């Protein structure tokens, strides 16, 4: 273990925890300094928007056990029904986190002998769920529909096939080609699962996600997402037809064998979900700010990796350079973290900027000015390479 940690340190890949406290939606106290916060997934600025939850006094703070053991609280069941309708699906089922949802769904729906087709840039929880299922995992190049079709076409026709993709790829800010994926899943008799973790609350008529945004809700079999990002709370869901929900309730070990979300937390989720739907300006603002920031980086010749949403990477390549740039930005009052392999492919280390509705246009200009100052310092040799 010591050797592996020393090797990680030598390649600028060692991770460590740093003390941070969110002061408001756009500021954080990071290792004792107040910084402009560009490292949060609180896209709609709802995590600190209000702490009182109406009607929560009568709800328990603990679930006691799994829902199959302690019982199904009527408030939780009612929320699942309402959320399923919102997602334009027959049914919904809550999970404790996005990670447990993905490993629970994939390991339940697929088994040895089945085939899972996964974008190479899908989240680690998707990969882990596929591996736990013992199905054959076939990974295709990022958003490469030609390679995916080749894999589907050459696979055994009698095997169960499941295509799984992130809607928004969290380290790149790119969108999945959902219309093409639907076409291929229908052509080759596959199921399609879409992870809406980073698109829920931001895209769609009322924030339903990218699937609804493109008018594909009726043609996507499984929609999974979280309440810990745009909705500013915690937990996750799967929205699907009632048959799949019943199957997961009986087969998903990540649902069956864990204590359920506390009903009072579900009430907090519901409050922010309703608020996000009512306050459309939040999603409009965050996408506009990200667009302005992307344009500013493009004018300066920086590589943003095809970002199309609130997540904007500044790709620098080298691990050490990314860490130094992150440190330089912090010295200039900006908290944006360096993302390195294995989270991203080798040679593509980056600074990941996450814009939220708590930010404003002045923040965009402040971050661009900080980046300019870092670039000027590095040109003068102040970057200690």
Protein backbone atom coordinates (compact mmCIF):
# COMPACT_ATOMS: atom_id res chain seq x y z
CA UNK A 1 0.00 0.00 0.00
CA UNK A 2 2.83 2.39 0.89
CA UNK A 3 4.54 1.73 -2.44
CA UNK A 4 1.38 2.41 -4.42
CA UNK A 5 0.75 5.67 -2.55
CA UNK A 6 4.33 6.77 -3.15
CA UNK A 7 3.96 6.00 -6.86
CA UNK A 8 0.74 8.04 -6.97
CA UNK A 9 2.50 10.97 -5.31
CA UNK A 10 5.38 10.75 -7.80
CA UNK A 11 2.96 11.08 -10.74
CA UNK A 12 0.87 13.88 -9.18
CA UNK A 13 -2.04 11.45 -8.80
CA UNK A 14 -2.31 11.26 -5.00
CA UNK A 15 -5.67 12.24 -3.57
CA UNK A 16 -6.20 13.82 -0.16
CA UNK A 17 -9.07 15.43 1.70
CA UNK A 18 -9.04 19.20 2.14
CA UNK A 19 -11.14 21.08 4.64
CA UNK A 20 -13.94 23.09 3.05
CA UNK A 21 -17.20 24.67 4.16
CA UNK A 22 -19.83 26.09 1.82
CA UNK A 23 -20.62 29.62 2.97
CA UNK A 24 -23.22 30.40 0.32
CA UNK A 25 -24.04 29.07 -3.11
CA UNK A 26 -21.11 30.87 -4.74
CA UNK A 27 -18.52 30.97 -1.93
CA UNK A 28 -16.61 28.41 0.13
CA UNK A 29 -14.20 28.52 3.03
CA UNK A 30 -11.42 26.32 1.65
CA UNK A 31 -8.48 25.51 3.90
CA UNK A 32 -9.07 28.75 5.80
CA UNK A 33 -9.57 31.04 2.77
CA UNK A 34 -12.81 32.34 1.31
CA UNK A 35 -12.93 31.47 -2.41
CA UNK A 36 -15.31 31.75 -5.33
CA UNK A 37 -16.73 28.22 -5.49
CA UNK A 38 -16.52 26.56 -8.94
CA UNK A 39 -16.15 22.97 -7.69
CA UNK A 40 -19.73 22.10 -6.69
CA UNK A 41 -22.49 20.13 -8.43
CA UNK A 42 -25.13 22.30 -6.71
CA UNK A 43 -26.13 23.54 -10.17
CA UNK A 44 -29.34 25.35 -9.20
CA UNK A 45 -27.94 26.80 -5.99
CA UNK A 46 -30.51 25.00 -3.86
CA UNK A 47 -28.25 23.23 -1.36
CA UNK A 48 -28.05 26.33 0.84
CA UNK A 49 -31.17 28.12 -0.39
CA UNK A 50 -33.30 27.15 2.61
CA UNK A 51 -33.04 24.70 5.46
CA UNK A 52 -36.62 24.62 6.80
CA UNK A 53 -38.76 21.86 5.32
CA UNK A 54 -42.51 22.40 5.49
CA UNK A 55 -44.45 19.52 7.07
CA UNK A 56 -41.31 17.67 8.17
CA UNK A 57 -42.07 17.81 11.92
CA UNK A 58 -44.24 14.71 11.73
CA UNK A 59 -41.77 12.68 9.64
CA UNK A 60 -39.08 10.43 11.17
CA UNK A 61 -35.38 11.25 10.86
CA UNK A 62 -34.52 7.59 10.45
CA UNK A 63 -36.06 4.80 8.39
CA UNK A 64 -35.12 2.07 10.86
CA UNK A 65 -34.32 -0.56 8.26
CA UNK A 66 -34.89 -1.34 4.60
CA UNK A 67 -38.33 -0.56 3.20
CA UNK A 68 -39.02 -4.26 2.78
CA UNK A 69 -38.42 -4.80 6.50
CA UNK A 70 -39.64 -1.66 8.29
CA UNK A 71 -42.45 -0.89 5.90
CA UNK A 72 -43.13 1.58 3.14
CA UNK A 73 -43.79 5.06 4.52
CA UNK A 74 -46.81 6.57 2.71
CA UNK A 75 -45.05 9.91 2.20
CA UNK A 76 -42.18 8.19 0.38
CA UNK A 77 -44.56 6.16 -1.77
CA UNK A 78 -46.58 9.25 -2.68
CA UNK A 79 -43.41 11.10 -3.71
CA UNK A 80 -42.31 8.21 -5.92
CA UNK A 81 -45.66 8.25 -7.69
CA UNK A 82 -45.53 12.01 -8.22
CA UNK A 83 -41.95 11.89 -9.44
CA UNK A 84 -42.70 9.05 -11.87
CA UNK A 85 -45.46 11.19 -13.40
CA UNK A 86 -43.03 14.11 -13.63
CA UNK A 87 -40.55 11.88 -15.47
CA UNK A 88 -43.37 10.67 -17.79
CA UNK A 89 -42.79 7.08 -16.68
CA UNK A 90 -45.05 4.47 -15.08
CA UNK A 91 -43.17 4.10 -11.82
CA UNK A 92 -40.19 5.24 -9.76
CA UNK A 93 -38.10 3.76 -6.95
CA UNK A 94 -35.77 5.65 -4.60
CA UNK A 95 -32.20 4.58 -3.91
CA UNK A 96 -29.76 5.91 -1.32
CA UNK A 97 -27.27 7.46 -3.75
CA UNK A 98 -26.41 7.61 -7.43
CA UNK A 99 -23.63 5.07 -6.94
CA UNK A 100 -25.85 2.53 -5.19
CA UNK A 101 -28.58 3.10 -7.77
CA UNK A 102 -26.32 2.33 -10.71
CA UNK A 103 -24.72 -0.74 -9.18
CA UNK A 104 -28.14 -1.90 -7.96
CA UNK A 105 -29.92 -1.46 -11.28
CA UNK A 106 -27.27 -2.92 -13.56
CA UNK A 107 -26.39 -5.89 -11.35
CA UNK A 108 -30.10 -6.76 -11.05
CA UNK A 109 -31.13 -6.39 -14.70
CA UNK A 110 -28.15 -8.19 -16.21
CA UNK A 111 -26.37 -11.44 -15.42
CA UNK A 112 -23.73 -13.77 -16.78
CA UNK A 113 -24.28 -14.28 -20.52
CA UNK A 114 -25.95 -10.87 -21.05
CA UNK A 115 -24.32 -7.94 -22.86
CA UNK A 116 -23.87 -4.39 -21.56
CA UNK A 117 -22.82 -1.68 -24.03
CA UNK A 118 -21.26 1.31 -22.28
CA UNK A 119 -19.76 4.62 -23.43
CA UNK A 120 -16.07 4.71 -22.48
CA UNK A 121 -16.56 7.93 -20.52
CA UNK A 122 -19.49 6.68 -18.43
CA UNK A 123 -19.28 7.25 -14.68
CA UNK A 124 -17.39 4.76 -12.51
CA UNK A 125 -20.63 3.64 -10.86
CA UNK A 126 -21.93 2.43 -14.22
CA UNK A 127 -18.74 0.47 -14.86
CA UNK A 128 -18.85 -1.04 -11.37
CA UNK A 129 -22.51 -2.02 -11.77
CA UNK A 130 -21.75 -3.70 -15.07
CA UNK A 131 -18.84 -5.63 -13.54
CA UNK A 132 -20.96 -6.73 -10.58
CA UNK A 133 -23.61 -8.08 -12.96
CA UNK A 134 -21.05 -10.52 -14.47
CA UNK A 135 -22.43 -9.65 -17.90
CA UNK A 136 -19.99 -9.10 -20.76
CA UNK A 137 -19.07 -5.41 -20.80
CA UNK A 138 -18.52 -3.94 -24.26
CA UNK A 139 -17.25 -0.34 -24.20
CA UNK A 140 -17.50 1.91 -27.24
CA UNK A 141 -15.57 5.10 -27.99
CA UNK A 142 -17.14 8.24 -26.55
CA UNK A 143 -20.36 9.01 -28.47
CA UNK A 144 -19.21 6.84 -31.38
CA UNK A 145 -22.47 5.45 -32.75
CA UNK A 146 -20.72 3.64 -35.61
CA UNK A 147 -18.68 1.55 -33.19
CA UNK A 148 -21.72 0.91 -31.01
CA UNK A 149 -23.73 -0.29 -33.99
CA UNK A 150 -20.90 -2.59 -35.03
CA UNK A 151 -20.83 -4.12 -31.54
CA UNK A 152 -24.61 -4.57 -31.56
CA UNK A 153 -24.68 -5.98 -35.07
CA UNK A 154 -21.97 -8.57 -34.38
CA UNK A 155 -23.35 -9.71 -31.02
CA UNK A 156 -25.43 -12.86 -30.58
CA UNK A 157 -29.08 -12.02 -31.39
CA UNK A 158 -30.51 -14.20 -28.61
CA UNK A 159 -28.66 -12.47 -25.75
CA UNK A 160 -30.14 -9.80 -23.50
CA UNK A 161 -28.64 -6.44 -24.46
CA UNK A 162 -28.56 -3.25 -22.41
CA UNK A 163 -27.10 0.06 -23.61
CA UNK A 164 -26.19 2.47 -20.82
CA UNK A 165 -25.03 6.06 -21.05
CA UNK A 166 -24.61 9.21 -19.03
CA UNK A 167 -26.89 11.97 -20.31
CA UNK A 168 -24.23 14.57 -19.46
CA UNK A 169 -20.67 13.32 -19.08
CA UNK A 170 -19.58 14.83 -15.80
CA UNK A 171 -15.90 15.49 -16.54
CA UNK A 172 -16.38 16.71 -20.12
CA UNK A 173 -19.72 18.52 -20.18
CA UNK A 174 -20.71 16.72 -23.39
CA UNK A 175 -24.23 15.47 -24.11
CA UNK A 176 -25.12 11.92 -25.09
CA UNK A 177 -26.56 11.44 -28.61
CA UNK A 178 -29.83 10.13 -27.17
CA UNK A 179 -31.82 10.12 -30.41
CA UNK A 180 -29.21 7.93 -32.10
CA UNK A 181 -29.03 5.65 -29.07
CA UNK A 182 -32.81 5.18 -29.14
CA UNK A 183 -32.64 4.32 -32.84
CA UNK A 184 -29.96 1.70 -32.25
CA UNK A 185 -31.63 0.14 -29.21
CA UNK A 186 -34.86 -0.28 -31.20
CA UNK A 187 -33.06 -1.61 -34.27
CA UNK A 188 -31.21 -4.31 -32.32
CA UNK A 189 -33.74 -5.15 -29.60
CA UNK A 190 -31.80 -3.72 -26.66
CA UNK A 191 -32.85 -1.93 -23.48
CA UNK A 192 -31.62 1.63 -23.00
CA UNK A 193 -30.68 3.11 -19.60
CA UNK A 194 -29.86 6.83 -19.27
CA UNK A 195 -28.13 8.33 -16.22
CA UNK A 196 -29.60 11.82 -15.77
CA UNK A 197 -27.51 12.70 -12.71
CA UNK A 198 -26.03 15.89 -14.21
CA UNK A 199 -28.96 16.84 -16.48
CA UNK A 200 -31.90 16.49 -14.08
CA UNK A 201 -33.24 19.87 -12.98
CA UNK A 202 -31.49 21.67 -15.85
CA UNK A 203 -32.89 20.29 -19.11
CA UNK A 204 -36.47 19.57 -20.15
CA UNK A 205 -39.68 21.59 -19.86
CA UNK A 206 -39.60 21.57 -16.06
CA UNK A 207 -36.16 20.08 -15.49
CA UNK A 208 -37.12 16.45 -16.18
CA UNK A 209 -33.77 15.88 -17.87
CA UNK A 210 -32.19 15.43 -21.27
CA UNK A 211 -34.44 12.49 -22.19
CA UNK A 212 -37.57 14.64 -21.94
CA UNK A 213 -35.74 17.62 -23.47
CA UNK A 214 -35.34 15.61 -26.68
CA UNK A 215 -38.88 14.18 -26.51
CA UNK A 216 -37.68 10.62 -25.92
CA UNK A 217 -39.23 9.70 -22.56
CA UNK A 218 -41.54 7.07 -24.07
CA UNK A 219 -38.64 5.40 -25.89
CA UNK A 220 -36.07 5.18 -23.08
CA UNK A 221 -36.59 2.14 -20.87
CA UNK A 222 -34.78 3.23 -17.71
CA UNK A 223 -34.01 6.72 -16.44
CA UNK A 224 -31.82 7.00 -13.38
CA UNK A 225 -30.77 10.19 -11.63
CA UNK A 226 -29.82 11.85 -8.38
CA UNK A 227 -31.15 14.45 -5.97
CA UNK A 228 -27.67 15.45 -4.80
CA UNK A 229 -26.73 17.79 -7.65
CA UNK A 230 -29.23 20.24 -9.16
CA UNK A 231 -31.78 19.46 -6.43
CA UNK A 232 -29.28 20.16 -3.66
CA UNK A 233 -30.21 17.25 -1.36
CA UNK A 234 -29.22 13.59 -1.35
CA UNK A 235 -30.46 10.29 -2.77
CA UNK A 236 -31.30 8.88 -6.18
CA UNK A 237 -34.10 7.35 -8.22
CA UNK A 238 -34.91 5.05 -11.08
CA UNK A 239 -37.91 5.85 -13.29
CA UNK A 240 -39.16 3.05 -15.51
CA UNK A 241 -42.19 0.90 -16.32
CA UNK A 242 -43.92 -0.78 -13.38
CA UNK A 243 -42.62 -4.24 -14.36
CA UNK A 244 -38.99 -3.09 -14.10
CA UNK A 245 -39.66 -1.38 -10.76
CA UNK A 246 -41.18 -4.57 -9.35
CA UNK A 247 -38.22 -6.57 -10.66
CA UNK A 248 -35.71 -4.21 -9.04
CA UNK A 249 -37.63 -4.27 -5.77
CA UNK A 250 -37.19 -8.05 -5.75
CA UNK A 251 -33.72 -8.39 -7.30
CA UNK A 252 -31.66 -5.27 -6.57
CA UNK A 253 -29.39 -6.05 -3.63
CA UNK A 254 -28.48 -2.35 -3.29
CA UNK A 255 -32.16 -1.64 -2.56
CA UNK A 256 -33.09 -4.75 -0.58
CA UNK A 257 -30.15 -4.89 1.82
CA UNK A 258 -29.75 -1.30 2.99
CA UNK A 259 -31.56 1.03 5.37
CA UNK A 260 -33.88 3.31 3.42
CA UNK A 261 -33.64 7.08 3.05
CA UNK A 262 -35.21 8.85 6.06
CA UNK A 263 -38.72 10.15 5.23
CA UNK A 264 -37.73 13.62 6.47
CA UNK A 265 -34.98 13.68 3.82
CA UNK A 266 -37.52 12.69 1.17
CA UNK A 267 -39.59 15.68 2.27
CA UNK A 268 -36.52 17.90 1.80
CA UNK A 269 -35.98 16.39 -1.66
CA UNK A 270 -39.60 17.06 -2.56
CA UNK A 271 -39.35 20.69 -1.45
CA UNK A 272 -36.34 21.45 -3.64
CA UNK A 273 -37.81 19.49 -6.56
CA UNK A 274 -40.93 21.67 -6.44
CA UNK A 275 -38.85 24.82 -6.06
CA UNK A 276 -36.65 23.93 -9.03
CA UNK A 277 -39.74 23.46 -11.19
CA UNK A 278 -41.23 26.79 -10.11
CA UNK A 279 -38.03 28.85 -10.40
CA UNK A 280 -37.14 28.38 -14.05
CA UNK A 281 -34.70 31.29 -13.91
CA UNK A 282 -32.24 29.09 -12.05
CA UNK A 283 -31.58 26.71 -14.93
CA UNK A 284 -31.67 29.52 -17.47
CA UNK A 285 -29.04 31.47 -15.53
CA UNK A 286 -26.59 28.62 -15.00
CA UNK A 287 -26.62 27.58 -18.66
CA UNK A 288 -26.17 31.21 -19.78
CA UNK A 289 -23.22 31.72 -17.42
CA UNK A 290 -21.54 28.54 -18.61
CA UNK A 291 -22.03 29.58 -22.23
CA UNK A 292 -20.41 32.96 -21.58
CA UNK A 293 -17.50 31.31 -19.77
CA UNK A 294 -16.98 28.80 -22.58
CA UNK A 295 -16.92 31.63 -25.11
CA UNK A 296 -14.33 33.48 -23.01
CA UNK A 297 -12.08 30.44 -22.84
CA UNK A 298 -12.45 29.84 -26.59
CA UNK A 299 -11.40 33.45 -27.30
CA UNK A 300 -8.23 32.75 -25.33
CA UNK A 301 -7.51 29.56 -27.27
CA UNK A 302 -8.19 27.10 -24.44
CA UNK A 303 -9.47 23.55 -24.99
CA UNK A 304 -12.88 23.00 -23.36
CA UNK A 305 -13.30 19.49 -24.75
CA UNK A 306 -16.65 19.97 -26.49
CA UNK A 307 -18.53 21.14 -23.38
CA UNK A 308 -22.21 21.90 -24.02
CA UNK A 309 -23.62 22.58 -20.58
CA UNK A 310 -22.90 23.86 -17.06
CA UNK A 311 -19.75 21.75 -16.74
CA UNK A 312 -16.77 23.37 -18.47
CA UNK A 313 -13.35 21.66 -18.40
CA UNK A 314 -10.12 23.48 -19.16
CA UNK A 315 -7.96 20.64 -20.47
CA UNK A 316 -4.22 21.04 -19.88
CA UNK A 317 -3.00 17.45 -20.29
CA UNK A 318 -0.25 17.01 -17.70
CA UNK A 319 -1.17 16.06 -14.12
CA UNK A 320 1.38 18.35 -12.49
CA UNK A 321 0.43 21.30 -14.66
CA UNK A 322 -3.24 20.82 -13.77
CA UNK A 323 -2.44 20.75 -10.05
CA UNK A 324 -0.29 23.86 -10.29
CA UNK A 325 -2.98 25.72 -12.20
CA UNK A 326 -5.59 24.77 -9.60
CA UNK A 327 -3.28 26.06 -6.86
CA UNK A 328 -2.64 29.30 -8.75
CA UNK A 329 -6.37 29.85 -9.18
CA UNK A 330 -6.93 29.29 -5.45
CA UNK A 331 -4.27 31.89 -4.71
CA UNK A 332 -6.35 34.28 -6.82
CA UNK A 333 -9.58 33.47 -5.01
CA UNK A 334 -11.06 30.76 -7.28
CA UNK A 335 -11.83 27.22 -6.12
CA UNK A 336 -11.73 24.88 -9.13
CA UNK A 337 -10.17 21.47 -8.74
CA UNK A 338 -7.72 19.51 -10.87
CA UNK A 339 -9.19 16.29 -12.29
CA UNK A 340 -6.62 13.63 -13.12
CA UNK A 341 -6.51 9.99 -14.26
CA UNK A 342 -8.06 7.55 -13.65
CA UNK A 343 -11.11 9.83 -13.42
CA UNK A 344 -10.24 11.08 -16.92
CA UNK A 345 -8.10 9.41 -19.62
CA UNK A 346 -4.31 9.58 -19.39
CA UNK A 347 -2.91 12.82 -20.80
CA UNK A 348 -6.16 14.77 -20.36
CA UNK A 349 -5.85 16.24 -16.85
CA UNK A 350 -7.99 19.32 -16.49
CA UNK A 351 -9.52 21.98 -14.31
CA UNK A 352 -13.25 21.33 -13.99
CA UNK A 353 -15.43 24.42 -13.60
CA UNK A 354 -19.03 23.87 -12.45
CA UNK A 355 -21.34 26.85 -12.85
CA UNK A 356 -24.41 27.29 -10.68
CA UNK A 357 -27.40 29.59 -10.40
CA UNK A 358 -25.76 31.18 -7.35
CA UNK A 359 -23.11 32.73 -9.62
CA UNK A 360 -23.45 35.93 -11.64
CA UNK A 361 -21.91 37.51 -14.75
CA UNK A 362 -19.29 39.29 -12.64
CA UNK A 363 -18.09 35.87 -11.44
CA UNK A 364 -17.50 34.78 -15.04
CA UNK A 365 -15.30 37.81 -15.65
CA UNK A 366 -13.49 37.30 -12.34
CA UNK A 367 -12.61 33.69 -13.18
CA UNK A 368 -11.46 34.61 -16.70
CA UNK A 369 -9.28 37.37 -15.22
CA UNK A 370 -7.77 34.87 -12.77
CA UNK A 371 -7.01 32.48 -15.63
CA UNK A 372 -5.39 35.34 -17.58
CA UNK A 373 -3.22 36.19 -14.58
CA UNK A 374 -2.12 32.56 -14.23
CA UNK A 375 -1.23 32.42 -17.92
CA UNK A 376 0.80 35.64 -17.61
CA UNK A 377 2.70 34.27 -14.62
CA UNK A 378 3.48 31.03 -16.43
CA UNK A 379 4.76 32.91 -19.48
CA UNK A 380 7.16 34.79 -17.19
CA UNK A 381 8.34 31.45 -15.77
CA UNK A 382 6.52 31.68 -12.47
CA UNK A 383 5.00 28.22 -13.10
CA UNK A 384 7.70 26.12 -11.46
CA UNK A 385 8.12 23.71 -14.35
